[in-house]
Amino acid sequence: MASAAKTPSITAAFTDTKTLRANARKHVEDGAVTASYPADRETIITKLNESLATEWVCVLRYMRHYHTATGLVSEPIKAHFLEHAKEEQAHATALAERIVQLGGEPDLNPDNLTKKSHAEYTEGKTLKQMVTEDLIAERIAVESYRELIQYLGDRDPTTRKLIEHILEQEEEHADEFSDLLDGWEGE
């Protein structure tokens, strides 16, 4: 009769209940941030604040484009600008909430937004220039969010999932603006 292979205890990879309970009582003021959170929390908060600034700069640019776009074909494109402004604002809200959950403070100082933003606040004079500038900003956001996701890896799955969700929408925005520019006639 063959002897059964001994399997390692599945509980060896988990903290026992008594220790979990004791650790939860330590540093209660830190909320969701427990001892197992990565040591680079300040770096993650800094990167989230840069993303927050990027989202707000994009909200402001989209709103300017919404209010100033003119021309025969401007109405459907203005609708895109307004929709994207609302989505970017939702991203900003989610980022600010996550920063607070991590024990940080969202930096919403207007003087700091354009300094910390990855995207520029470029207005564009014509409708085509506006769409082009928005596409450029979305491409910047896509790349910066991809880098942040890689940095986070498995160390902070909650933040990574948030950023992955935002990235998905930023890719959709870039695709929409790319489609709008495809075959654009004139200026």
C-alpha atoms as a PDB file:
ATOM      1  CA  MET A   1       0.000   0.000   0.000  1.00  0.00           C
ATOM      2  CA  ALA A   2       1.494   3.339  -1.066  1.00  0.00           C
ATOM      3  CA  SER A   3       1.854   5.912   1.643  1.00  0.00           C
ATOM      4  CA  ALA A   4      -0.034   9.110   1.165  1.00  0.00           C
ATOM      5  CA  ALA A   5       2.195  12.102   0.529  1.00  0.00           C
ATOM      6  CA  LYS A   6       2.109  14.516   3.390  1.00  0.00           C
ATOM      7  CA  THR A   7       0.675  17.859   2.284  1.00  0.00           C
ATOM      8  CA  PRO A   8       1.824  21.019   3.981  1.00  0.00           C
ATOM      9  CA  SER A   9      -0.623  22.620   6.342  1.00  0.00           C
ATOM     10  CA  ILE A  10      -2.730  25.198   4.538  1.00  0.00           C
ATOM     11  CA  THR A  11      -2.921  27.263   7.710  1.00  0.00           C
ATOM     12  CA  ALA A  12       0.866  27.770   7.751  1.00  0.00           C
ATOM     13  CA  ALA A  13       0.468  30.672   5.263  1.00  0.00           C
ATOM     14  CA  PHE A  14      -2.148  32.431   7.371  1.00  0.00           C
ATOM     15  CA  THR A  15      -1.935  34.368  10.612  1.00  0.00           C
ATOM     16  CA  ASP A  16      -3.790  32.726  13.453  1.00  0.00           C
ATOM     17  CA  THR A  17      -6.974  34.388  14.699  1.00  0.00           C
ATOM     18  CA  LYS A  18      -5.540  35.432  18.048  1.00  0.00           C
ATOM     19  CA  THR A  19      -2.672  37.292  16.360  1.00  0.00           C
ATOM     20  CA  LEU A  20      -5.004  38.868  13.771  1.00  0.00           C
ATOM     21  CA  ARG A  21      -7.191  40.209  16.575  1.00  0.00           C
ATOM     22  CA  ALA A  22      -4.228  41.527  18.561  1.00  0.00           C
ATOM     23  CA  ASN A  23      -2.691  43.218  15.524  1.00  0.00           C
ATOM     24  CA  ALA A  24      -6.009  44.846  14.590  1.00  0.00           C
ATOM     25  CA  ARG A  25      -6.040  46.598  17.962  1.00  0.00           C
ATOM     26  CA  LYS A  26      -2.616  48.132  17.353  1.00  0.00           C
ATOM     27  CA  HIS A  27      -2.612  51.519  15.616  1.00  0.00           C
ATOM     28  CA  VAL A  28      -6.391  51.641  15.272  1.00  0.00           C
ATOM     29  CA  GLU A  29      -6.075  55.288  14.216  1.00  0.00           C
ATOM     30  CA  ASP A  30      -4.535  54.088  10.920  1.00  0.00           C
ATOM     31  CA  GLY A  31      -7.908  52.762   9.725  1.00  0.00           C
ATOM     32  CA  ALA A  32      -7.541  50.446   6.752  1.00  0.00           C
ATOM     33  CA  VAL A  33      -3.745  50.719   6.727  1.00  0.00           C
ATOM     34  CA  THR A  34      -2.419  47.714   8.620  1.00  0.00           C
ATOM     35  CA  ALA A  35       1.098  46.531   9.388  1.00  0.00           C
ATOM     36  CA  SER A  36       1.159  44.464   6.188  1.00  0.00           C
ATOM     37  CA  TYR A  37       0.705  47.543   3.970  1.00  0.00           C
ATOM     38  CA  PRO A  38       3.819  48.258   1.859  1.00  0.00           C
ATOM     39  CA  ALA A  39       6.481  50.449   3.434  1.00  0.00           C
ATOM     40  CA  ASP A  40       6.325  52.862   0.496  1.00  0.00           C
ATOM     41  CA  ARG A  41       2.911  54.262   1.411  1.00  0.00           C
ATOM     42  CA  GLU A  42       4.156  57.860   1.068  1.00  0.00           C
ATOM     43  CA  THR A  43       5.356  57.175  -2.476  1.00  0.00           C
ATOM     44  CA  ILE A  44       1.990  55.659  -3.370  1.00  0.00           C
ATOM     45  CA  ILE A  45       0.179  58.672  -1.888  1.00  0.00           C
ATOM     46  CA  THR A  46       2.471  61.008  -3.841  1.00  0.00           C
ATOM     47  CA  LYS A  47       1.735  59.165  -7.092  1.00  0.00           C
ATOM     48  CA  LEU A  48      -2.000  59.206  -6.324  1.00  0.00           C
ATOM     49  CA  ASN A  49      -1.819  62.975  -5.729  1.00  0.00           C
ATOM     50  CA  GLU A  50      -0.101  63.385  -9.109  1.00  0.00           C
ATOM     51  CA  SER A  51      -2.934  61.381 -10.673  1.00  0.00           C
ATOM     52  CA  LEU A  52      -5.469  63.494  -8.775  1.00  0.00           C
ATOM     53  CA  ALA A  53      -3.886  66.675 -10.160  1.00  0.00           C
ATOM     54  CA  THR A  54      -3.916  65.197 -13.669  1.00  0.00           C
ATOM     55  CA  GLU A  55      -7.618  64.392 -13.408  1.00  0.00           C
ATOM     56  CA  TRP A  56      -8.506  67.913 -12.203  1.00  0.00           C
ATOM     57  CA  VAL A  57      -6.454  69.565 -14.950  1.00  0.00           C
ATOM     58  CA  CYS A  58      -8.309  67.376 -17.446  1.00  0.00           C
ATOM     59  CA  VAL A  59     -11.687  68.302 -15.921  1.00  0.00           C
ATOM     60  CA  LEU A  60     -10.857  71.986 -16.296  1.00  0.00           C
ATOM     61  CA  ARG A  61      -9.608  71.604 -19.873  1.00  0.00           C
ATOM     62  CA  TYR A  62     -12.665  69.576 -20.870  1.00  0.00           C
ATOM     63  CA  MET A  63     -14.987  72.149 -19.334  1.00  0.00           C
ATOM     64  CA  ARG A  64     -13.229  74.958 -21.195  1.00  0.00           C
ATOM     65  CA  HIS A  65     -13.539  73.007 -24.428  1.00  0.00           C
ATOM     66  CA  TYR A  66     -17.210  72.310 -23.712  1.00  0.00           C
ATOM     67  CA  HIS A  67     -17.939  76.009 -23.195  1.00  0.00           C
ATOM     68  CA  THR A  68     -15.811  77.382 -26.033  1.00  0.00           C
ATOM     69  CA  ALA A  69     -16.246  74.866 -28.852  1.00  0.00           C
ATOM     70  CA  THR A  70     -18.074  76.352 -31.821  1.00  0.00           C
ATOM     71  CA  GLY A  71     -18.842  75.414 -35.376  1.00  0.00           C
ATOM     72  CA  LEU A  72     -21.169  73.362 -37.480  1.00  0.00           C
ATOM     73  CA  VAL A  73     -20.091  69.993 -36.029  1.00  0.00           C
ATOM     74  CA  SER A  74     -19.374  71.165 -32.483  1.00  0.00           C
ATOM     75  CA  GLU A  75     -22.526  69.979 -30.668  1.00  0.00           C
ATOM     76  CA  PRO A  76     -21.830  66.216 -30.628  1.00  0.00           C
ATOM     77  CA  ILE A  77     -18.176  66.859 -29.769  1.00  0.00           C
ATOM     78  CA  LYS A  78     -19.183  69.239 -26.979  1.00  0.00           C
ATOM     79  CA  ALA A  79     -21.264  66.367 -25.571  1.00  0.00           C
ATOM     80  CA  HIS A  80     -18.070  64.261 -25.494  1.00  0.00           C
ATOM     81  CA  PHE A  81     -16.226  67.052 -23.674  1.00  0.00           C
ATOM     82  CA  LEU A  82     -18.923  67.306 -21.013  1.00  0.00           C
ATOM     83  CA  GLU A  83     -19.196  63.540 -20.552  1.00  0.00           C
ATOM     84  CA  HIS A  84     -15.431  63.191 -20.189  1.00  0.00           C
ATOM     85  CA  ALA A  85     -15.285  66.088 -17.717  1.00  0.00           C
ATOM     86  CA  LYS A  86     -17.805  64.295 -15.510  1.00  0.00           C
ATOM     87  CA  GLU A  87     -15.921  60.993 -15.750  1.00  0.00           C
ATOM     88  CA  GLU A  88     -12.588  62.668 -14.940  1.00  0.00           C
ATOM     89  CA  GLN A  89     -14.207  64.328 -11.929  1.00  0.00           C
ATOM     90  CA  ALA A  90     -15.434  60.916 -10.754  1.00  0.00           C
ATOM     91  CA  HIS A  91     -11.858  59.620 -11.130  1.00  0.00           C
ATOM     92  CA  ALA A  92     -10.596  62.552  -9.057  1.00  0.00           C
ATOM     93  CA  THR A  93     -13.133  61.821  -6.332  1.00  0.00           C
ATOM     94  CA  ALA A  94     -12.162  58.145  -6.184  1.00  0.00           C
ATOM     95  CA  LEU A  95      -8.452  59.016  -6.063  1.00  0.00           C
ATOM     96  CA  ALA A  96      -8.987  61.551  -3.266  1.00  0.00           C
ATOM     97  CA  GLU A  97     -10.976  58.999  -1.267  1.00  0.00           C
ATOM     98  CA  ARG A  98      -8.215  56.416  -1.663  1.00  0.00           C
ATOM     99  CA  ILE A  99      -5.562  58.926  -0.591  1.00  0.00           C
ATOM    100  CA  VAL A 100      -7.544  59.560   2.609  1.00  0.00           C
ATOM    101  CA  GLN A 101      -7.985  55.804   3.195  1.00  0.00           C
ATOM    102  CA  LEU A 102      -4.209  55.471   3.050  1.00  0.00           C
ATOM    103  CA  GLY A 103      -3.792  58.171   5.675  1.00  0.00           C
ATOM    104  CA  GLY A 104      -2.780  60.906   3.260  1.00  0.00           C
ATOM    105  CA  GLU A 105      -4.269  64.221   2.301  1.00  0.00           C
ATOM    106  CA  PRO A 106      -5.517  64.945  -1.207  1.00  0.00           C
ATOM    107  CA  ASP A 107      -3.676  67.974  -2.574  1.00  0.00           C
ATOM    108  CA  LEU A 108      -6.346  70.137  -4.173  1.00  0.00           C
ATOM    109  CA  ASN A 109      -4.429  73.393  -3.890  1.00  0.00           C
ATOM    110  CA  PRO A 110      -5.051  75.113  -7.254  1.00  0.00           C
ATOM    111  CA  ASP A 111      -1.459  76.381  -7.301  1.00  0.00           C
ATOM    112  CA  ASN A 112      -0.199  72.781  -7.197  1.00  0.00           C
ATOM    113  CA  LEU A 113      -2.533  71.161  -9.720  1.00  0.00           C
ATOM    114  CA  THR A 114      -0.730  72.153 -12.913  1.00  0.00           C
ATOM    115  CA  LYS A 115       2.660  71.621 -11.240  1.00  0.00           C
ATOM    116  CA  LYS A 116       1.832  68.020 -10.245  1.00  0.00           C
ATOM    117  CA  SER A 117      -0.299  67.077 -13.242  1.00  0.00           C
ATOM    118  CA  HIS A 118       1.177  64.764 -15.837  1.00  0.00           C
ATOM    119  CA  ALA A 119      -1.053  66.353 -18.501  1.00  0.00           C
ATOM    120  CA  GLU A 120      -0.722  69.951 -19.593  1.00  0.00           C
ATOM    121  CA  TYR A 121      -3.519  72.471 -19.624  1.00  0.00           C
ATOM    122  CA  THR A 122      -3.437  73.289 -23.331  1.00  0.00           C
ATOM    123  CA  GLU A 123      -6.553  75.030 -24.556  1.00  0.00           C
ATOM    124  CA  GLY A 124      -6.603  74.607 -28.316  1.00  0.00           C
ATOM    125  CA  LYS A 125      -8.110  77.308 -30.521  1.00  0.00           C
ATOM    126  CA  THR A 126     -10.005  75.247 -33.066  1.00  0.00           C
ATOM    127  CA  LEU A 127     -12.249  72.268 -32.484  1.00  0.00           C
ATOM    128  CA  LYS A 128      -9.653  69.978 -34.080  1.00  0.00           C
ATOM    129  CA  GLN A 129      -6.912  71.390 -31.828  1.00  0.00           C
ATOM    130  CA  MET A 130      -9.140  70.819 -28.781  1.00  0.00           C
ATOM    131  CA  VAL A 131      -9.758  67.196 -29.717  1.00  0.00           C
ATOM    132  CA  THR A 132      -6.051  66.704 -30.436  1.00  0.00           C
ATOM    133  CA  GLU A 133      -5.013  68.186 -27.079  1.00  0.00           C
ATOM    134  CA  ASP A 134      -7.543  65.982 -25.285  1.00  0.00           C
ATOM    135  CA  LEU A 135      -6.242  62.907 -27.091  1.00  0.00           C
ATOM    136  CA  ILE A 136      -2.677  63.810 -26.076  1.00  0.00           C
ATOM    137  CA  ALA A 137      -3.761  64.244 -22.449  1.00  0.00           C
ATOM    138  CA  GLU A 138      -5.559  60.881 -22.493  1.00  0.00           C
ATOM    139  CA  ARG A 139      -2.454  59.195 -23.920  1.00  0.00           C
ATOM    140  CA  ILE A 140      -0.404  60.715 -21.105  1.00  0.00           C
ATOM    141  CA  ALA A 141      -2.922  59.455 -18.534  1.00  0.00           C
ATOM    142  CA  VAL A 142      -2.920  55.973 -20.071  1.00  0.00           C
ATOM    143  CA  GLU A 143       0.856  55.718 -19.857  1.00  0.00           C
ATOM    144  CA  SER A 144       1.118  57.123 -16.327  1.00  0.00           C
ATOM    145  CA  TYR A 145      -1.621  54.784 -15.050  1.00  0.00           C
ATOM    146  CA  ARG A 146       0.064  51.785 -16.676  1.00  0.00           C
ATOM    147  CA  GLU A 147       3.301  52.685 -14.909  1.00  0.00           C
ATOM    148  CA  LEU A 148       1.487  53.070 -11.581  1.00  0.00           C
ATOM    149  CA  ILE A 149      -0.194  49.680 -12.003  1.00  0.00           C
ATOM    150  CA  GLN A 150       3.200  48.084 -12.654  1.00  0.00           C
ATOM    151  CA  TYR A 151       4.655  49.827  -9.613  1.00  0.00           C
ATOM    152  CA  LEU A 152       1.810  48.679  -7.366  1.00  0.00           C
ATOM    153  CA  GLY A 153       1.949  45.074  -8.549  1.00  0.00           C
ATOM    154  CA  ASP A 154       0.505  42.835  -5.849  1.00  0.00           C
ATOM    155  CA  ARG A 155       1.535  45.109  -2.983  1.00  0.00           C
ATOM    156  CA  ASP A 156      -1.700  47.142  -2.931  1.00  0.00           C
ATOM    157  CA  PRO A 157      -4.483  45.312  -4.785  1.00  0.00           C
ATOM    158  CA  THR A 158      -7.171  47.816  -3.771  1.00  0.00           C
ATOM    159  CA  THR A 159      -5.332  50.781  -5.262  1.00  0.00           C
ATOM    160  CA  ARG A 160      -4.313  48.707  -8.283  1.00  0.00           C
ATOM    161  CA  LYS A 161      -7.968  47.784  -8.997  1.00  0.00           C
ATOM    162  CA  LEU A 162      -8.984  51.443  -8.733  1.00  0.00           C
ATOM    163  CA  ILE A 163      -6.243  52.497 -11.138  1.00  0.00           C
ATOM    164  CA  GLU A 164      -7.082  49.636 -13.531  1.00  0.00           C
ATOM    165  CA  HIS A 165     -10.701  50.843 -13.625  1.00  0.00           C
ATOM    166  CA  ILE A 166      -9.615  54.421 -14.329  1.00  0.00           C
ATOM    167  CA  LEU A 167      -7.149  53.218 -16.980  1.00  0.00           C
ATOM    168  CA  GLU A 168      -9.933  51.356 -18.758  1.00  0.00           C
ATOM    169  CA  GLN A 169     -11.969  54.559 -19.049  1.00  0.00           C
ATOM    170  CA  GLU A 170      -8.941  56.620 -20.107  1.00  0.00           C
ATOM    171  CA  GLU A 171      -8.258  54.128 -22.914  1.00  0.00           C
ATOM    172  CA  GLU A 172     -11.897  54.469 -24.028  1.00  0.00           C
ATOM    173  CA  HIS A 173     -11.546  58.277 -24.033  1.00  0.00           C
ATOM    174  CA  ALA A 174      -8.360  58.088 -26.119  1.00  0.00           C
ATOM    175  CA  ASP A 175     -10.049  55.715 -28.551  1.00  0.00           C
ATOM    176  CA  GLU A 176     -13.051  58.044 -28.937  1.00  0.00           C
ATOM    177  CA  PHE A 177     -10.849  61.070 -29.643  1.00  0.00           C
ATOM    178  CA  SER A 178      -8.711  59.075 -32.050  1.00  0.00           C
ATOM    179  CA  ASP A 179     -11.884  58.056 -33.907  1.00  0.00           C
ATOM    180  CA  LEU A 180     -13.035  61.695 -34.027  1.00  0.00           C
ATOM    181  CA  LEU A 181      -9.737  62.757 -35.611  1.00  0.00           C
ATOM    182  CA  ASP A 182      -9.724  59.904 -38.113  1.00  0.00           C
ATOM    183  CA  GLY A 183     -10.585  61.461 -41.447  1.00  0.00           C
ATOM    184  CA  TRP A 184     -11.102  64.980 -40.026  1.00  0.00           C
ATOM    185  CA  GLU A 185     -11.483  67.446 -42.871  1.00  0.00           C
ATOM    186  CA  GLY A 186     -10.077  70.950 -42.495  1.00  0.00           C
ATOM    187  CA  GLU A 187      -9.091  72.726 -39.318  1.00  0.00           C
END
